[in-house]
Protein backbone atom coordinates (compact mmCIF):
# COMPACT_ATOMS: atom_id res chain seq x y z
CA MET A 1 -27.37 -114.23 76.91
CA GLU A 2 -28.44 -113.95 80.51
CA LYS A 3 -30.57 -111.08 81.78
CA LYS A 4 -29.16 -107.57 81.51
CA VAL A 5 -26.66 -106.86 84.30
CA SER A 6 -27.56 -103.93 86.55
CA LEU A 7 -25.23 -101.69 88.50
CA GLU A 8 -26.49 -103.31 91.67
CA ASP A 9 -25.52 -106.70 90.20
CA PHE A 10 -22.07 -105.29 89.43
CA TYR A 11 -21.48 -104.10 92.99
CA ALA A 12 -22.82 -107.36 94.42
CA SER A 13 -20.52 -109.45 92.19
CA THR A 14 -17.48 -107.51 93.40
CA ASN A 15 -18.46 -107.79 97.09
CA GLN A 16 -18.57 -104.02 97.39
CA TYR A 17 -21.00 -101.76 99.20
CA VAL A 18 -23.91 -100.80 96.95
CA PRO A 19 -24.21 -96.99 97.00
CA GLU A 20 -27.65 -95.71 97.92
CA ASN A 21 -28.05 -93.78 94.66
CA VAL A 22 -27.74 -97.07 92.75
CA ARG A 23 -30.64 -98.52 94.70
CA THR A 24 -32.83 -95.46 94.12
CA GLY A 25 -32.10 -95.29 90.40
CA ILE A 26 -30.88 -91.68 90.30
CA GLY A 27 -27.72 -90.68 88.46
CA HIS A 28 -24.62 -92.60 89.50
CA PHE A 29 -20.88 -92.40 88.79
CA ASN A 30 -17.89 -94.29 90.16
CA VAL A 31 -14.28 -95.00 89.15
CA PHE A 32 -12.08 -98.01 89.94
CA LYS A 33 -8.58 -99.39 89.49
CA LEU A 34 -8.69 -102.42 87.21
CA ASP A 35 -5.88 -104.21 89.07
CA GLU A 36 -8.33 -105.24 91.81
CA PHE A 37 -10.58 -106.98 89.29
CA ALA A 38 -8.15 -108.50 86.76
CA GLY A 39 -5.54 -110.40 88.76
CA PRO A 40 -4.47 -114.04 88.30
CA LYS A 41 -7.36 -116.45 87.62
CA PRO A 42 -10.07 -113.82 87.35
CA LYS A 43 -13.70 -114.83 87.54
CA PRO A 44 -15.05 -115.16 83.97
CA MET A 45 -17.28 -112.27 82.90
CA PRO A 46 -20.48 -113.34 81.13
CA PHE A 47 -21.14 -111.95 77.67
CA ASN A 48 -24.09 -109.71 78.50
CA ARG A 49 -25.58 -106.30 78.03
CA ARG A 50 -25.28 -104.02 81.05
CA ASP A 51 -27.79 -101.34 81.97
CA TYR A 52 -25.02 -98.78 82.55
CA PHE A 53 -22.20 -97.14 80.61
CA LYS A 54 -18.57 -98.06 81.19
CA ILE A 55 -15.23 -96.68 79.95
CA SER A 56 -12.24 -98.98 80.47
CA LEU A 57 -8.52 -98.28 80.08
CA VAL A 58 -6.73 -101.63 80.02
CA LYS A 59 -3.00 -102.36 79.84
CA GLY A 60 -1.98 -105.93 79.03
CA LYS A 61 -2.82 -108.70 76.60
CA SER A 62 -6.51 -109.46 76.31
CA LYS A 63 -9.38 -109.98 73.92
CA VAL A 64 -12.36 -107.65 73.77
CA HIS A 65 -15.59 -109.36 72.70
CA TYR A 66 -18.33 -106.91 71.74
CA ALA A 67 -21.41 -107.26 69.54
CA ASP A 68 -20.28 -109.70 66.84
CA LYS A 69 -16.59 -108.76 66.92
CA ILE A 70 -13.44 -109.86 68.73
CA VAL A 71 -10.44 -107.52 69.07
CA ARG A 72 -7.08 -108.84 70.29
CA VAL A 73 -5.14 -106.33 72.40
CA GLU A 74 -1.36 -106.64 72.65
CA GLU A 75 -0.52 -103.54 74.68
CA GLN A 76 -3.22 -101.08 75.78
CA VAL A 77 -6.76 -100.16 74.81
CA ILE A 78 -9.65 -97.91 75.79
CA VAL A 79 -13.15 -99.33 75.38
CA PHE A 80 -16.48 -97.48 75.51
CA SER A 81 -19.34 -99.80 76.53
CA ASN A 82 -23.02 -98.88 76.36
CA PRO A 83 -26.27 -100.59 77.39
CA GLN A 84 -27.18 -101.45 73.78
CA ILE A 85 -24.21 -103.70 73.00
CA PRO A 86 -23.21 -106.89 74.91
CA TYR A 87 -19.53 -107.35 75.71
CA ASN A 88 -16.95 -109.12 77.82
CA TRP A 89 -13.19 -109.43 78.25
CA GLU A 90 -10.94 -112.44 77.85
CA GLN A 91 -7.81 -111.93 79.95
CA LEU A 92 -4.62 -113.29 78.34
CA ASP A 93 -1.96 -111.87 80.69
CA ASP A 94 -1.78 -112.99 84.33
CA GLN A 95 -2.38 -109.42 85.44
CA LEU A 96 -4.12 -106.54 83.68
CA THR A 97 -3.78 -102.99 84.94
CA GLY A 98 -5.64 -99.78 84.26
CA TYR A 99 -8.83 -98.03 85.26
CA PHE A 100 -12.53 -98.00 84.51
CA CYS A 101 -15.48 -95.80 85.34
CA VAL A 102 -19.17 -96.70 85.39
CA PHE A 103 -22.13 -94.33 85.15
CA THR A 104 -25.80 -94.25 84.29
CA GLU A 105 -27.55 -92.23 81.61
CA ALA A 106 -29.38 -90.42 84.39
CA PHE A 107 -26.02 -89.06 85.61
CA PHE A 108 -25.98 -86.93 82.45
CA HIS A 109 -29.63 -85.88 82.56
CA GLN A 110 -29.80 -82.29 81.23
CA PHE A 111 -26.03 -82.33 80.66
CA GLY A 112 -25.90 -83.85 77.18
CA ASN A 113 -26.82 -86.90 75.12
CA LEU A 114 -24.12 -89.56 75.32
CA THR A 115 -25.51 -91.57 72.41
CA GLN A 116 -24.82 -88.76 69.95
CA TYR A 117 -21.11 -89.67 70.08
CA PRO A 118 -19.78 -92.36 67.70
CA VAL A 119 -18.09 -94.27 70.55
CA PHE A 120 -21.53 -95.02 72.03
CA GLN A 121 -23.43 -95.66 68.80
CA PRO A 122 -24.22 -99.24 67.71
CA ASN A 123 -22.40 -98.85 64.40
CA GLY A 124 -19.58 -96.76 65.83
CA ASN A 125 -16.12 -97.80 66.96
CA PRO A 126 -15.97 -98.31 70.74
CA VAL A 127 -12.48 -99.88 70.86
CA PHE A 128 -9.31 -97.78 70.49
CA GLN A 129 -5.93 -99.48 70.60
CA LEU A 130 -3.54 -96.90 72.05
CA THR A 131 0.06 -95.95 71.38
CA SER A 132 2.32 -95.11 74.34
CA ALA A 133 1.79 -91.39 73.69
CA GLN A 134 -1.99 -91.81 73.59
CA LEU A 135 -1.87 -93.80 76.82
CA GLU A 136 -0.03 -90.90 78.46
CA ALA A 137 -2.82 -88.56 77.34
CA ILE A 138 -5.64 -90.77 78.68
CA THR A 139 -4.19 -91.94 82.02
CA PRO A 140 -4.17 -88.52 83.76
CA ILE A 141 -7.90 -88.11 83.07
CA PHE A 142 -8.69 -91.21 85.13
CA GLN A 143 -6.26 -90.08 87.82
CA ARG A 144 -8.11 -86.76 88.05
CA MET A 145 -11.37 -88.69 88.40
CA PHE A 146 -10.01 -90.38 91.54
CA LYS A 147 -8.87 -87.06 92.94
CA GLU A 148 -12.24 -85.40 92.35
CA ILE A 149 -14.48 -88.23 93.58
CA GLU A 150 -12.56 -88.35 96.87
CA SER A 151 -12.76 -84.58 97.34
CA ASP A 152 -15.40 -82.68 99.31
CA TYR A 153 -15.86 -80.08 96.57
CA THR A 154 -19.57 -79.21 96.27
CA TYR A 155 -19.58 -79.37 92.47
CA LYS A 156 -17.29 -82.36 92.03
CA TYR A 157 -19.86 -84.32 90.00
CA ASP A 158 -19.99 -81.52 87.43
CA LEU A 159 -16.22 -81.88 87.12
CA LEU A 160 -16.55 -85.64 86.80
CA ARG A 161 -19.05 -85.23 83.95
CA ASN A 162 -16.55 -82.96 82.23
CA LEU A 163 -13.84 -85.60 82.64
CA VAL A 164 -16.08 -88.23 81.03
CA PHE A 165 -16.59 -85.89 78.08
CA GLU A 166 -12.84 -85.29 78.00
CA LEU A 167 -12.25 -89.05 77.71
CA ILE A 168 -14.76 -89.28 74.86
CA HIS A 169 -13.33 -86.37 72.90
CA THR A 170 -9.70 -87.32 73.49
CA ALA A 171 -10.32 -90.84 72.17
CA GLN A 172 -12.34 -89.64 69.19
CA LYS A 173 -9.53 -87.29 68.20
CA PHE A 174 -7.26 -90.34 67.93
CA GLN A 175 -9.54 -91.71 65.18
CA PRO A 176 -11.66 -88.80 63.93
CA ALA A 177 -14.80 -89.56 61.98
CA HIS A 178 -14.64 -88.72 58.30
CA LEU A 179 -17.84 -86.70 58.19
CA ASP A 180 -18.29 -83.11 57.17
CA LEU A 181 -20.57 -81.94 59.94
CA GLY A 182 -20.80 -78.33 58.87
CA LYS A 183 -22.88 -78.54 55.70
CA HIS A 184 -26.17 -80.02 56.86
CA SER A 185 -29.39 -78.07 57.17
CA ASN A 186 -31.06 -77.95 60.55
CA ALA A 187 -34.10 -79.74 59.06
CA SER A 188 -31.99 -82.64 57.76
CA GLU A 189 -30.19 -82.99 61.08
CA ARG A 190 -33.48 -82.94 62.97
CA ILE A 191 -35.11 -85.58 60.77
CA SER A 192 -31.98 -87.75 60.83
CA GLY A 193 -31.82 -87.51 64.61
CA LEU A 194 -35.47 -88.47 64.99
CA PHE A 195 -35.02 -91.42 62.62
CA MET A 196 -31.93 -92.73 64.47
CA GLU A 197 -33.69 -92.38 67.82
CA LEU A 198 -36.74 -94.25 66.49
CA LEU A 199 -34.54 -96.99 65.03
CA GLU A 200 -32.53 -97.48 68.21
CA ARG A 201 -35.63 -97.48 70.39
CA GLN A 202 -36.46 -100.93 68.97
CA PHE A 203 -33.24 -102.46 70.32
CA PRO A 204 -31.85 -104.39 72.06
CA ILE A 205 -33.98 -107.51 71.62
CA GLU A 206 -34.11 -109.14 75.06
CA SER A 207 -36.64 -111.94 74.52
CA PRO A 208 -37.94 -114.08 71.64
CA MET A 209 -41.37 -112.64 72.49
CA GLN A 210 -40.14 -109.12 71.66
CA ARG A 211 -40.50 -107.97 68.05
CA ILE A 212 -39.48 -104.83 66.20
CA ARG A 213 -42.43 -102.84 64.85
CA LEU A 214 -40.79 -100.73 62.15
CA LYS A 215 -38.72 -102.43 59.47
CA THR A 216 -39.10 -100.57 56.16
CA ALA A 217 -38.23 -97.07 54.99
CA SER A 218 -41.92 -96.35 54.33
CA GLU A 219 -42.92 -97.40 57.85
CA PHE A 220 -40.34 -95.09 59.39
CA ALA A 221 -41.35 -92.22 57.09
CA ASP A 222 -45.02 -92.68 57.97
CA HIS A 223 -44.22 -92.72 61.67
CA LEU A 224 -42.22 -89.49 61.27
CA SER A 225 -44.93 -87.90 59.08
CA VAL A 226 -42.57 -87.21 56.19
CA HIS A 227 -42.38 -88.52 52.63
CA VAL A 228 -39.97 -91.43 52.26
CA ASN A 229 -37.99 -89.52 49.61
CA HIS A 230 -37.57 -86.60 52.02
CA LEU A 231 -36.32 -88.96 54.73
CA ASN A 232 -33.85 -90.54 52.30
CA ARG A 233 -32.51 -87.15 51.22
CA ALA A 234 -32.01 -86.04 54.82
CA LEU A 235 -30.13 -89.21 55.77
CA LYS A 236 -27.99 -89.11 52.64
CA GLU A 237 -27.07 -85.51 53.45
CA VAL A 238 -26.17 -86.15 57.08
CA VAL A 239 -24.81 -89.72 57.23
CA GLN A 240 -24.27 -90.56 53.53
CA LYS A 241 -26.57 -93.61 53.67
CA ASN A 242 -30.18 -94.12 52.70
CA THR A 243 -32.94 -95.28 55.02
CA SER A 244 -33.03 -98.91 53.90
CA LYS A 245 -29.28 -99.35 54.31
CA LEU A 246 -29.30 -97.96 57.86
CA ILE A 247 -32.21 -100.21 58.81
CA SER A 248 -30.54 -103.28 57.28
CA GLU A 249 -27.22 -102.56 59.01
CA ARG A 250 -28.87 -102.24 62.42
CA ILE A 251 -31.01 -105.36 61.96
CA LEU A 252 -27.95 -107.29 60.77
CA GLN A 253 -25.93 -106.22 63.81
CA GLU A 254 -28.67 -107.40 66.16
CA ALA A 255 -29.06 -110.59 64.13
CA LYS A 256 -25.36 -111.37 64.57
CA ILE A 257 -25.56 -110.74 68.32
CA LEU A 258 -28.63 -112.94 68.77
CA THR A 259 -27.25 -115.68 66.54
CA LYS A 260 -23.87 -115.74 68.24
CA HIS A 261 -24.78 -115.16 71.86
CA THR A 262 -28.20 -116.70 72.50
CA THR A 263 -29.57 -120.22 72.28
CA TRP A 264 -32.69 -119.05 70.47
CA ASN A 265 -33.52 -121.01 67.36
CA ILE A 266 -33.31 -119.32 63.97
CA ALA A 267 -37.09 -119.04 63.63
CA GLU A 268 -37.29 -117.16 66.95
CA ILE A 269 -34.55 -114.74 65.88
CA ALA A 270 -36.20 -114.20 62.49
CA HIS A 271 -39.55 -113.45 64.13
CA SER A 272 -38.08 -111.03 66.68
CA LEU A 273 -36.39 -109.07 63.87
CA GLY A 274 -39.59 -108.65 61.91
CA PHE A 275 -39.22 -111.34 59.26
CA GLU A 276 -42.51 -113.03 58.32
CA GLU A 277 -40.73 -116.12 57.01
CA THR A 278 -37.60 -117.78 58.39
CA ALA A 279 -36.41 -118.31 54.82
CA HIS A 280 -36.42 -114.54 54.24
CA PHE A 281 -34.21 -114.06 57.29
CA PHE A 282 -31.90 -116.87 56.14
CA ASN A 283 -31.48 -115.20 52.72
CA PHE A 284 -30.95 -111.75 54.30
CA PHE A 285 -28.33 -113.08 56.71
CA LYS A 286 -26.43 -115.07 54.09
CA LYS A 287 -26.47 -112.17 51.61
CA HIS A 288 -24.78 -109.85 54.12
CA THR A 289 -22.39 -112.29 55.85
CA ASN A 290 -21.76 -115.02 53.26
CA HIS A 291 -22.71 -117.52 55.99
CA SER A 292 -25.91 -119.19 57.03
CA PRO A 293 -27.02 -118.34 60.59
CA ALA A 294 -26.11 -121.86 61.76
CA ALA A 295 -22.62 -121.63 60.21
CA PHE A 296 -22.10 -118.14 61.66
CA ARG A 297 -22.80 -119.50 65.16
CA LYS A 298 -19.72 -121.69 64.89
CA LEU A 299 -17.35 -118.96 63.69
CA GLU A 300 -14.97 -116.81 65.71
CA ILE A 301 -15.29 -113.43 64.01
CA VAL A 302 -12.38 -111.05 64.48
């Protein structure tokens, strides 16, 4: 993968004026019509992480490449992209239509934590193929975004934040998570939240010189100043998985991304993910994917 794409890079690549609040790094939001970006013979989009969030509503045949997955779209789709996961689009129709909005985490400072929602979590589902009825529910939200951003209403950005949340909740209702969120103790939720934040803080891996520091359940428990059994109980209560499984799943996801979308050798990937021996990484990868890292590089995973 190339370096992470910034919002300023995005505006420069589209030959658009770079808003001042992008240059200064404060919260930013904008909304666009996709038609202007996805016409005949579009410029290929590199498979990269971006340093901003993006929600795309796309009508037309395409392929969505994200993390280690490929999703073929026949009609319409909404995709939630976050800075942790690399992605790109492969346009199959001559013309795609729709909308997309881009925004930074700072835009929501003191207004909520975007990463608490499954659509923006590394192991969540960011791609929702839509029926015609669902498309009719989503489209007006983007249309209202255009109306508000062009208005001179003093509090329009508060309304735009609400519309982003409306997109998130509307999509999640289409495929609700099967979790009972009402039975967890505050202590278990707090510990689980701290663990997930600590786990995610180690990713993404941007360079072979970068290496994760915490890799075992005991290391995470020590860092959180709790007994490992207590941490396991809290995670089992809240997310129905133990500590080791959550760590393995997140390391495996990053391993797939680095194997598929970088030119790093296997030893470099193994080292960056905390494996002392390349052979240990090889065995871990093959156990969970049924493929060696080298064989996985050649696959198209759908």
